[in-house]
PDB file of all heavy atoms in Angstrom:
ATOM      1  N   LYS A   1      61.632  24.548   9.803  1.00  0.00           N
ATOM      2  CA  LYS A   1      61.645  23.928   8.479  1.00  0.00           C
ATOM      3  C   LYS A   1      62.083  24.958   7.442  1.00  0.00           C
ATOM      4  O   LYS A   1      61.790  26.143   7.572  1.00  0.00           O
ATOM      5  CB  LYS A   1      60.260  23.402   8.101  1.00  0.00           C
ATOM      6  CG  LYS A   1      59.863  22.103   8.763  1.00  0.00           C
ATOM      7  CD  LYS A   1      60.573  20.917   8.110  1.00  0.00           C
ATOM      8  CE  LYS A   1      59.990  19.596   8.578  1.00  0.00           C
ATOM      9  NZ  LYS A   1      60.585  18.449   7.851  1.00  0.00           N
ATOM     10  N   THR A   2      62.758  24.496   6.413  1.00  0.00           N
ATOM     11  CA  THR A   2      63.175  25.399   5.350  1.00  0.00           C
ATOM     12  C   THR A   2      63.248  24.630   4.034  1.00  0.00           C
ATOM     13  O   THR A   2      63.413  23.399   4.026  1.00  0.00           O
ATOM     14  CB  THR A   2      64.546  26.042   5.661  1.00  0.00           C
ATOM     15  OG1 THR A   2      64.851  27.017   4.662  1.00  0.00           O
ATOM     16  CG2 THR A   2      65.655  24.999   5.714  1.00  0.00           C
ATOM     17  N   GLY A   3      63.119  25.344   2.931  1.00  0.00           N
ATOM     18  CA  GLY A   3      63.211  24.723   1.614  1.00  0.00           C
ATOM     19  C   GLY A   3      63.334  25.790   0.542  1.00  0.00           C
ATOM     20  O   GLY A   3      63.170  26.986   0.811  1.00  0.00           O
ATOM     21  N   TYR A   4      63.635  25.354  -0.675  1.00  0.00           N
ATOM     22  CA  TYR A   4      63.802  26.300  -1.782  1.00  0.00           C
ATOM     23  C   TYR A   4      63.318  25.660  -3.076  1.00  0.00           C
ATOM     24  O   TYR A   4      63.142  24.437  -3.174  1.00  0.00           O
ATOM     25  CB  TYR A   4      65.267  26.731  -1.912  1.00  0.00           C
ATOM     26  CG  TYR A   4      66.199  25.602  -2.316  1.00  0.00           C
ATOM     27  CD1 TYR A   4      66.474  25.334  -3.649  1.00  0.00           C
ATOM     28  CD2 TYR A   4      66.787  24.793  -1.346  1.00  0.00           C
ATOM     29  CE1 TYR A   4      67.307  24.293  -4.027  1.00  0.00           C
ATOM     30  CE2 TYR A   4      67.626  23.745  -1.702  1.00  0.00           C
ATOM     31  CZ  TYR A   4      67.875  23.510  -3.041  1.00  0.00           C
ATOM     32  OH  TYR A   4      68.696  22.460  -3.404  1.00  0.00           O
ATOM     33  N   ASP A   5      63.121  26.517  -4.085  1.00  0.00           N
ATOM     34  CA  ASP A   5      62.691  26.066  -5.406  1.00  0.00           C
ATOM     35  C   ASP A   5      63.915  25.600  -6.192  1.00  0.00           C
ATOM     36  O   ASP A   5      64.808  26.411  -6.484  1.00  0.00           O
ATOM     37  CB  ASP A   5      61.995  27.214  -6.136  1.00  0.00           C
ATOM     38  CG  ASP A   5      61.383  26.769  -7.461  1.00  0.00           C
ATOM     39  OD1 ASP A   5      61.796  25.732  -7.992  1.00  0.00           O
ATOM     40  OD2 ASP A   5      60.492  27.484  -7.962  1.00  0.00           O
ATOM     41  N   PRO A   6      63.996  24.306  -6.557  1.00  0.00           N
ATOM     42  CA  PRO A   6      65.186  23.811  -7.250  1.00  0.00           C
ATOM     43  C   PRO A   6      65.406  24.429  -8.622  1.00  0.00           C
ATOM     44  O   PRO A   6      66.500  24.341  -9.159  1.00  0.00           O
ATOM     45  CB  PRO A   6      64.928  22.297  -7.344  1.00  0.00           C
ATOM     46  CG  PRO A   6      63.451  22.145  -7.229  1.00  0.00           C
ATOM     47  CD  PRO A   6      63.003  23.234  -6.327  1.00  0.00           C
ATOM     48  N   GLU A   7      64.380  25.055  -9.195  1.00  0.00           N
ATOM     49  CA  GLU A   7      64.570  25.705 -10.493  1.00  0.00           C
ATOM     50  C   GLU A   7      65.552  26.867 -10.400  1.00  0.00           C
ATOM     51  O   GLU A   7      66.145  27.269 -11.396  1.00  0.00           O
ATOM     52  CB  GLU A   7      63.232  26.205 -11.031  1.00  0.00           C
ATOM     53  CG  GLU A   7      62.297  25.098 -11.495  1.00  0.00           C
ATOM     54  CD  GLU A   7      61.083  25.643 -12.212  1.00  0.00           C
ATOM     55  OE1 GLU A   7      61.114  26.824 -12.612  1.00  0.00           O
ATOM     56  OE2 GLU A   7      60.105  24.881 -12.383  1.00  0.00           O
ATOM     57  N   TYR A   8      65.732  27.400  -9.189  1.00  0.00           N
ATOM     58  CA  TYR A   8      66.643  28.522  -8.980  1.00  0.00           C
ATOM     59  C   TYR A   8      67.896  28.092  -8.226  1.00  0.00           C
ATOM     60  O   TYR A   8      68.589  28.913  -7.631  1.00  0.00           O
ATOM     61  CB  TYR A   8      65.923  29.642  -8.223  1.00  0.00           C
ATOM     62  CG  TYR A   8      64.829  30.296  -9.024  1.00  0.00           C
ATOM     63  CD1 TYR A   8      63.534  29.770  -9.033  1.00  0.00           C
ATOM     64  CD2 TYR A   8      65.073  31.433  -9.788  1.00  0.00           C
ATOM     65  CE1 TYR A   8      62.524  30.357  -9.774  1.00  0.00           C
ATOM     66  CE2 TYR A   8      64.070  32.032 -10.530  1.00  0.00           C
ATOM     67  CZ  TYR A   8      62.795  31.486 -10.514  1.00  0.00           C
ATOM     68  OH  TYR A   8      61.792  32.082 -11.256  1.00  0.00           O
ATOM     69  N   ARG A   9      68.191  26.813  -8.267  1.00  0.00           N
ATOM     70  CA  ARG A   9      69.327  26.278  -7.528  1.00  0.00           C
ATOM     71  C   ARG A   9      70.634  27.008  -7.839  1.00  0.00           C
ATOM     72  O   ARG A   9      71.474  27.222  -6.954  1.00  0.00           O
ATOM     73  CB  ARG A   9      69.490  24.788  -7.852  1.00  0.00           C
ATOM     74  CG  ARG A   9      70.489  24.059  -6.978  1.00  0.00           C
ATOM     75  CD  ARG A   9      70.807  22.681  -7.542  1.00  0.00           C
ATOM     76  NE  ARG A   9      69.602  21.955  -7.892  1.00  0.00           N
ATOM     77  CZ  ARG A   9      68.928  21.175  -7.058  1.00  0.00           C
ATOM     78  NH1 ARG A   9      69.351  21.036  -5.826  1.00  0.00           N
ATOM     79  NH2 ARG A   9      67.840  20.548  -7.464  1.00  0.00           N
ATOM     80  N   ALA A  10      70.829  27.400  -9.082  1.00  0.00           N
ATOM     81  CA  ALA A  10      72.074  28.067  -9.485  1.00  0.00           C
ATOM     82  C   ALA A  10      72.293  29.383  -8.742  1.00  0.00           C
ATOM     83  O   ALA A  10      73.428  29.855  -8.639  1.00  0.00           O
ATOM     84  CB  ALA A  10      72.068  28.321 -10.990  1.00  0.00           C
ATOM     85  N   PHE A  11      71.219  29.951  -8.195  1.00  0.00           N
ATOM     86  CA  PHE A  11      71.336  31.220  -7.486  1.00  0.00           C
ATOM     87  C   PHE A  11      71.383  31.034  -5.965  1.00  0.00           C
ATOM     88  O   PHE A  11      71.374  32.019  -5.221  1.00  0.00           O
ATOM     89  CB  PHE A  11      70.160  32.136  -7.851  1.00  0.00           C
ATOM     90  CG  PHE A  11      70.139  32.539  -9.292  1.00  0.00           C
ATOM     91  CD1 PHE A  11      69.338  31.864 -10.205  1.00  0.00           C
ATOM     92  CD2 PHE A  11      70.933  33.581  -9.752  1.00  0.00           C
ATOM     93  CE1 PHE A  11      69.310  32.231 -11.544  1.00  0.00           C
ATOM     94  CE2 PHE A  11      70.915  33.960 -11.087  1.00  0.00           C
ATOM     95  CZ  PHE A  11      70.108  33.285 -11.989  1.00  0.00           C
ATOM     96  N   ALA A  12      71.426  29.798  -5.516  1.00  0.00           N
ATOM     97  CA  ALA A  12      71.518  29.474  -4.082  1.00  0.00           C
ATOM     98  C   ALA A  12      70.506  30.253  -3.246  1.00  0.00           C
ATOM     99  O   ALA A  12      70.868  30.960  -2.303  1.00  0.00           O
ATOM    100  CB  ALA A  12      72.934  29.741  -3.579  1.00  0.00           C
ATOM    101  N   PRO A  13      69.197  30.149  -3.557  1.00  0.00           N
ATOM    102  CA  PRO A  13      68.209  30.913  -2.790  1.00  0.00           C
ATOM    103  C   PRO A  13      68.172  30.546  -1.310  1.00  0.00           C
ATOM    104  O   PRO A  13      67.867  31.396  -0.467  1.00  0.00           O
ATOM    105  CB  PRO A  13      66.885  30.588  -3.485  1.00  0.00           C
ATOM    106  CG  PRO A  13      67.125  29.276  -4.165  1.00  0.00           C
ATOM    107  CD  PRO A  13      68.555  29.312  -4.588  1.00  0.00           C
ATOM    108  N   GLY A  14      68.490  29.290  -0.990  1.00  0.00           N
ATOM    109  CA  GLY A  14      68.518  28.888   0.409  1.00  0.00           C
ATOM    110  C   GLY A  14      69.595  29.621   1.187  1.00  0.00           C
ATOM    111  O   GLY A  14      69.376  30.062   2.327  1.00  0.00           O
ATOM    112  N   GLN A  15      70.775  29.757   0.590  1.00  0.00           N
ATOM    113  CA  GLN A  15      71.864  30.484   1.250  1.00  0.00           C
ATOM    114  C   GLN A  15      71.537  31.967   1.384  1.00  0.00           C
ATOM    115  O   GLN A  15      71.819  32.583   2.419  1.00  0.00           O
ATOM    116  CB  GLN A  15      73.158  30.305   0.469  1.00  0.00           C
ATOM    117  CG  GLN A  15      73.860  28.985   0.695  1.00  0.00           C
ATOM    118  CD  GLN A  15      75.223  28.965   0.037  1.00  0.00           C
ATOM    119  OE1 GLN A  15      75.414  29.493  -1.053  1.00  0.00           O
ATOM    120  NE2 GLN A  15      76.182  28.360   0.701  1.00  0.00           N
ATOM    121  N   LEU A  16      70.960  32.541   0.338  1.00  0.00           N
ATOM    122  CA  LEU A  16      70.579  33.949   0.406  1.00  0.00           C
ATOM    123  C   LEU A  16      69.535  34.176   1.497  1.00  0.00           C
ATOM    124  O   LEU A  16      69.613  35.156   2.250  1.00  0.00           O
ATOM    125  CB  LEU A  16      70.027  34.407  -0.946  1.00  0.00           C
ATOM    126  CG  LEU A  16      71.052  34.652  -2.054  1.00  0.00           C
ATOM    127  CD1 LEU A  16      70.349  34.881  -3.390  1.00  0.00           C
ATOM    128  CD2 LEU A  16      71.933  35.855  -1.716  1.00  0.00           C
ATOM    129  N   MET A  17      68.573  33.290   1.579  1.00  0.00           N
ATOM    130  CA  MET A  17      67.574  33.378   2.641  1.00  0.00           C
ATOM    131  C   MET A  17      68.236  33.325   4.016  1.00  0.00           C
ATOM    132  O   MET A  17      67.914  34.109   4.920  1.00  0.00           O
ATOM    133  CB  MET A  17      66.565  32.240   2.493  1.00  0.00           C
ATOM    134  CG  MET A  17      65.675  32.020   3.692  1.00  0.00           C
ATOM    135  SD  MET A  17      64.401  33.276   3.867  1.00  0.00           S
ATOM    136  CE  MET A  17      63.060  32.448   3.001  1.00  0.00           C
ATOM    137  N   ARG A  18      69.184  32.389   4.178  1.00  0.00           N
ATOM    138  CA  ARG A  18      69.822  32.244   5.482  1.00  0.00           C
ATOM    139  C   ARG A  18      70.589  33.517   5.857  1.00  0.00           C
ATOM    140  O   ARG A  18      70.528  33.988   6.992  1.00  0.00           O
ATOM    141  CB  ARG A  18      70.790  31.037   5.451  1.00  0.00           C
ATOM    142  CG  ARG A  18      71.115  30.480   6.805  1.00  0.00           C
ATOM    143  CD  ARG A  18      69.873  30.010   7.535  1.00  0.00           C
ATOM    144  NE  ARG A  18      68.985  29.310   6.640  1.00  0.00           N
ATOM    145  CZ  ARG A  18      67.695  29.593   6.509  1.00  0.00           C
ATOM    146  NH1 ARG A  18      67.133  30.563   7.215  1.00  0.00           N
ATOM    147  NH2 ARG A  18      66.936  28.904   5.675  1.00  0.00           N
ATOM    148  N   TYR A  19      71.314  34.070   4.911  1.00  0.00           N
ATOM    149  CA  TYR A  19      72.071  35.294   5.162  1.00  0.00           C
ATOM    150  C   TYR A  19      71.134  36.411   5.620  1.00  0.00           C
ATOM    151  O   TYR A  19      71.392  37.102   6.623  1.00  0.00           O
ATOM    152  CB  TYR A  19      72.811  35.704   3.898  1.00  0.00           C
ATOM    153  CG  TYR A  19      73.567  37.009   3.993  1.00  0.00           C
ATOM    154  CD1 TYR A  19      74.881  37.035   4.460  1.00  0.00           C
ATOM    155  CD2 TYR A  19      72.982  38.210   3.619  1.00  0.00           C
ATOM    156  CE1 TYR A  19      75.576  38.234   4.553  1.00  0.00           C
ATOM    157  CE2 TYR A  19      73.672  39.406   3.702  1.00  0.00           C
ATOM    158  CZ  TYR A  19      74.964  39.405   4.169  1.00  0.00           C
ATOM    159  OH  TYR A  19      75.642  40.599   4.258  1.00  0.00           O
ATOM    160  N   LEU A  20      70.033  36.602   4.909  1.00  0.00           N
ATOM    161  CA  LEU A  20      69.111  37.693   5.212  1.00  0.00           C
ATOM    162  C   LEU A  20      68.376  37.459   6.531  1.00  0.00           C
ATOM    163  O   LEU A  20      68.137  38.409   7.294  1.00  0.00           O
ATOM    164  CB  LEU A  20      68.101  37.850   4.073  1.00  0.00           C
ATOM    165  CG  LEU A  20      68.684  38.321   2.738  1.00  0.00           C
ATOM    166  CD1 LEU A  20      67.620  38.264   1.645  1.00  0.00           C
ATOM    167  CD2 LEU A  20      69.247  39.737   2.855  1.00  0.00           C
ATOM    168  N   MET A  21      68.030  36.229   6.826  1.00  0.00           N
ATOM    169  CA  MET A  21      67.321  35.944   8.071  1.00  0.00           C
ATOM    170  C   MET A  21      68.245  36.091   9.282  1.00  0.00           C
ATOM    171  O   MET A  21      67.811  36.567  10.345  1.00  0.00           O
ATOM    172  CB  MET A  21      66.714  34.544   8.025  1.00  0.00           C
ATOM    173  CG  MET A  21      65.527  34.417   7.074  1.00  0.00           C
ATOM    174  SD  MET A  21      64.146  35.496   7.542  1.00  0.00           S
ATOM    175  CE  MET A  21      63.535  34.656   9.012  1.00  0.00           C
ATOM    176  N   ILE A  22      69.488  35.675   9.148  1.00  0.00           N
ATOM    177  CA  ILE A  22      70.439  35.872  10.249  1.00  0.00           C
ATOM    178  C   ILE A  22      70.701  37.358  10.449  1.00  0.00           C
ATOM    179  O   ILE A  22      70.746  37.850  11.586  1.00  0.00           O
ATOM    180  CB  ILE A  22      71.745  35.102   9.969  1.00  0.00           C
ATOM    181  CG1 ILE A  22      71.489  33.599  10.024  1.00  0.00           C
ATOM    182  CG2 ILE A  22      72.823  35.494  10.982  1.00  0.00           C
ATOM    183  CD1 ILE A  22      72.677  32.751   9.614  1.00  0.00           C
ATOM    184  N   GLU A  23      70.865  38.092   9.353  1.00  0.00           N
ATOM    185  CA  GLU A  23      71.054  39.538   9.448  1.00  0.00           C
ATOM    186  C   GLU A  23      69.868  40.188  10.166  1.00  0.00           C
ATOM    187  O   GLU A  23      70.038  41.086  10.999  1.00  0.00           O
ATOM    188  CB  GLU A  23      71.217  40.133   8.053  1.00  0.00           C
ATOM    189  CG  GLU A  23      71.478  41.632   8.047  1.00  0.00           C
ATOM    190  CD  GLU A  23      71.583  42.195   6.646  1.00  0.00           C
ATOM    191  OE1 GLU A  23      70.884  41.671   5.734  1.00  0.00           O
ATOM    192  OE2 GLU A  23      72.341  43.159   6.442  1.00  0.00           O
ATOM    193  N   LYS A  24      68.666  39.712   9.873  1.00  0.00           N
ATOM    194  CA  LYS A  24      67.469  40.256  10.510  1.00  0.00           C
ATOM    195  C   LYS A  24      67.464  39.957  12.008  1.00  0.00           C
ATOM    196  O   LYS A  24      67.044  40.792  12.819  1.00  0.00           O
ATOM    197  CB  LYS A  24      66.220  39.669   9.840  1.00  0.00           C
ATOM    198  CG  LYS A  24      64.905  40.277  10.316  1.00  0.00           C
ATOM    199  CD  LYS A  24      63.737  39.725   9.511  1.00  0.00           C
ATOM    200  CE  LYS A  24      62.422  40.363   9.957  1.00  0.00           C
ATOM    201  NZ  LYS A  24      62.408  41.823   9.661  1.00  0.00           N
TER     202      LYS A  24
END
């Protein structure tokens, strides 16, 4: 499961999370 805070949608936190988790 995954989700993000829509208040920060402009910063694409979901994409940033995915990048960092795949890198990990």
